[in-house]
PDB file of N, CA and C in Angstrom:
ATOM      1  N   MET A   1     -12.285 -15.374   0.592  1.00  0.00           N
ATOM      2  CA  MET A   1     -12.522 -13.957   0.321  1.00  0.00           C
ATOM      3  C   MET A   1     -11.920 -13.087   1.430  1.00  0.00           C
ATOM      4  N   THR A   2     -12.140 -13.496   2.690  1.00  0.00           N
ATOM      5  CA  THR A   2     -11.592 -12.709   3.795  1.00  0.00           C
ATOM      6  C   THR A   2     -10.065 -12.735   3.783  1.00  0.00           C
ATOM      7  N   LEU A   3      -9.495 -13.865   3.365  1.00  0.00           N
ATOM      8  CA  LEU A   3      -8.037 -13.964   3.283  1.00  0.00           C
ATOM      9  C   LEU A   3      -7.509 -12.986   2.249  1.00  0.00           C
ATOM     10  N   TYR A   4      -8.204 -12.857   1.129  1.00  0.00           N
ATOM     11  CA  TYR A   4      -7.797 -11.929   0.076  1.00  0.00           C
ATOM     12  C   TYR A   4      -7.855 -10.488   0.578  1.00  0.00           C
ATOM     13  N   ILE A   5      -8.922 -10.154   1.298  1.00  0.00           N
ATOM     14  CA  ILE A   5      -9.073  -8.803   1.845  1.00  0.00           C
ATOM     15  C   ILE A   5      -7.963  -8.524   2.864  1.00  0.00           C
ATOM     16  N   ALA A   6      -7.652  -9.519   3.698  1.00  0.00           N
ATOM     17  CA  ALA A   6      -6.593  -9.349   4.692  1.00  0.00           C
ATOM     18  C   ALA A   6      -5.252  -9.132   4.004  1.00  0.00           C
ATOM     19  N   ARG A   7      -5.015  -9.877   2.917  1.00  0.00           N
ATOM     20  CA  ARG A   7      -3.752  -9.727   2.192  1.00  0.00           C
ATOM     21  C   ARG A   7      -3.644  -8.337   1.574  1.00  0.00           C
ATOM     22  N   GLU A   8      -4.725  -7.865   0.976  1.00  0.00           N
ATOM     23  CA  GLU A   8      -4.723  -6.523   0.381  1.00  0.00           C
ATOM     24  C   GLU A   8      -4.554  -5.453   1.451  1.00  0.00           C
ATOM     25  N   ALA A   9      -5.184  -5.644   2.593  1.00  0.00           N
ATOM     26  CA  ALA A   9      -5.071  -4.678   3.681  1.00  0.00           C
ATOM     27  C   ALA A   9      -3.635  -4.627   4.206  1.00  0.00           C
ATOM     28  N   SER A  10      -2.992  -5.772   4.329  1.00  0.00           N
ATOM     29  CA  SER A  10      -1.611  -5.784   4.807  1.00  0.00           C
ATOM     30  C   SER A  10      -0.693  -5.132   3.784  1.00  0.00           C
ATOM     31  N   LYS A  11      -0.995  -5.336   2.491  1.00  0.00           N
ATOM     32  CA  LYS A  11      -0.204  -4.689   1.433  1.00  0.00           C
ATOM     33  C   LYS A  11      -0.317  -3.172   1.545  1.00  0.00           C
ATOM     34  N   ALA A  12      -1.541  -2.677   1.718  1.00  0.00           N
ATOM     35  CA  ALA A  12      -1.765  -1.235   1.846  1.00  0.00           C
ATOM     36  C   ALA A  12      -1.092  -0.706   3.108  1.00  0.00           C
ATOM     37  N   CYS A  13      -1.139  -1.500   4.179  1.00  0.00           N
ATOM     38  CA  CYS A  13      -0.518  -1.091   5.439  1.00  0.00           C
ATOM     39  C   CYS A  13       0.987  -0.933   5.257  1.00  0.00           C
ATOM     40  N   PHE A  14       1.621  -1.904   4.599  1.00  0.00           N
ATOM     41  CA  PHE A  14       3.060  -1.815   4.354  1.00  0.00           C
ATOM     42  C   PHE A  14       3.387  -0.641   3.441  1.00  0.00           C
ATOM     43  N   PHE A  15       2.507  -0.375   2.475  1.00  0.00           N
ATOM     44  CA  PHE A  15       2.729   0.735   1.561  1.00  0.00           C
ATOM     45  C   PHE A  15       2.715   2.075   2.301  1.00  0.00           C
ATOM     46  N   PHE A  16       1.723   2.236   3.197  1.00  0.00           N
ATOM     47  CA  PHE A  16       1.642   3.482   3.957  1.00  0.00           C
ATOM     48  C   PHE A  16       2.796   3.604   4.940  1.00  0.00           C
ATOM     49  N   LEU A  17       3.216   2.469   5.510  1.00  0.00           N
ATOM     50  CA  LEU A  17       4.362   2.483   6.413  1.00  0.00           C
ATOM     51  C   LEU A  17       5.621   2.903   5.667  1.00  0.00           C
ATOM     52  N   TYR A  18       5.778   2.399   4.441  1.00  0.00           N
ATOM     53  CA  TYR A  18       6.933   2.762   3.614  1.00  0.00           C
ATOM     54  C   TYR A  18       6.917   4.246   3.280  1.00  0.00           C
ATOM     55  N   LEU A  19       5.731   4.753   2.917  1.00  0.00           N
ATOM     56  CA  LEU A  19       5.611   6.180   2.622  1.00  0.00           C
ATOM     57  C   LEU A  19       5.950   7.025   3.846  1.00  0.00           C
ATOM     58  N   PHE A  20       5.444   6.617   5.010  1.00  0.00           N
ATOM     59  CA  PHE A  20       5.697   7.340   6.250  1.00  0.00           C
ATOM     60  C   PHE A  20       7.190   7.381   6.554  1.00  0.00           C
ATOM     61  N   LEU A  21       7.859   6.224   6.430  1.00  0.00           N
ATOM     62  CA  LEU A  21       9.297   6.175   6.694  1.00  0.00           C
ATOM     63  C   LEU A  21      10.069   7.014   5.685  1.00  0.00           C
ATOM     64  N   PHE A  22       9.610   6.998   4.433  1.00  0.00           N
ATOM     65  CA  PHE A  22      10.283   7.766   3.388  1.00  0.00           C
ATOM     66  C   PHE A  22      10.225   9.265   3.683  1.00  0.00           C
ATOM     67  N   PHE A  23       9.020   9.756   4.013  1.00  0.00           N
ATOM     68  CA  PHE A  23       8.872  11.181   4.317  1.00  0.00           C
ATOM     69  C   PHE A  23       9.595  11.541   5.615  1.00  0.00           C
ATOM     70  N   HIS A  24       9.612  10.620   6.568  1.00  0.00           N
ATOM     71  CA  HIS A  24      10.305  10.855   7.823  1.00  0.00           C
ATOM     72  C   HIS A  24      11.805  11.006   7.579  1.00  0.00           C
ATOM     73  N   SER A  25      12.366  10.158   6.733  1.00  0.00           N
ATOM     74  CA  SER A  25      13.799  10.256   6.443  1.00  0.00           C
ATOM     75  C   SER A  25      14.108  11.533   5.665  1.00  0.00           C
ATOM     76  N   LEU A  26      13.183  11.933   4.771  1.00  0.00           N
ATOM     77  CA  LEU A  26      13.386  13.194   4.055  1.00  0.00           C
ATOM     78  C   LEU A  26      13.397  14.377   5.019  1.00  0.00           C
ATOM     79  N   LEU A  27      12.476  14.354   5.967  1.00  0.00           N
ATOM     80  CA  LEU A  27      12.398  15.413   6.960  1.00  0.00           C
ATOM     81  C   LEU A  27      13.679  15.459   7.792  1.00  0.00           C
ATOM     82  N   LEU A  28      14.164  14.293   8.220  1.00  0.00           N
ATOM     83  CA  LEU A  28      15.401  14.246   8.997  1.00  0.00           C
ATOM     84  C   LEU A  28      16.580  14.738   8.183  1.00  0.00           C
ATOM     85  N   LEU A  29      16.631  14.376   6.909  1.00  0.00           N
ATOM     86  CA  LEU A  29      17.722  14.828   6.050  1.00  0.00           C
ATOM     87  C   LEU A  29      17.706  16.342   5.893  1.00  0.00           C
ATOM     88  N   SER A  30      16.538  16.915   5.706  1.00  0.00           N
ATOM     89  CA  SER A  30      16.447  18.374   5.555  1.00  0.00           C
ATOM     90  C   SER A  30      16.832  19.080   6.860  1.00  0.00           C
ATOM     91  N   LEU A  31      16.448  18.485   7.992  1.00  0.00           N
ATOM     92  CA  LEU A  31      16.836  19.064   9.277  1.00  0.00           C
ATOM     93  C   LEU A  31      18.347  19.021   9.464  1.00  0.00           C
ATOM     94  N   PHE A  32      18.957  17.909   9.094  1.00  0.00           N
ATOM     95  CA  PHE A  32      20.403  17.796   9.225  1.00  0.00           C
ATOM     96  C   PHE A  32      21.126  18.753   8.280  1.00  0.00           C
ATOM     97  N   SER A  33      20.575  18.930   7.102  1.00  0.00           N
ATOM     98  CA  SER A  33      21.218  19.859   6.155  1.00  0.00           C
ATOM     99  C   SER A  33      21.100  21.306   6.652  1.00  0.00           C
ATOM    100  N   LEU A  34      20.027  21.594   7.405  1.00  0.00           N
ATOM    101  CA  LEU A  34      19.892  22.932   7.983  1.00  0.00           C
ATOM    102  C   LEU A  34      20.868  23.126   9.136  1.00  0.00           C
ATOM    103  N   LEU A  35      21.100  22.059   9.894  1.00  0.00           N
ATOM    104  CA  LEU A  35      22.000  22.157  11.050  1.00  0.00           C
ATOM    105  C   LEU A  35      23.454  22.302  10.634  1.00  0.00           C
ATOM    106  N   PHE A  36      23.866  21.556   9.582  1.00  0.00           N
ATOM    107  CA  PHE A  36      25.278  21.571   9.194  1.00  0.00           C
ATOM    108  C   PHE A  36      25.543  22.356   7.930  1.00  0.00           C
TER     109      PHE A  36
END
């Protein structure tokens, strides 16, 4: 049971990390488009 919870938690962690990187790249792209 604990292994299942750990697996789900790691999945959620990777999902949030992916979302964070996605929004971060969008922010950088918008900043670059403003600069150039």
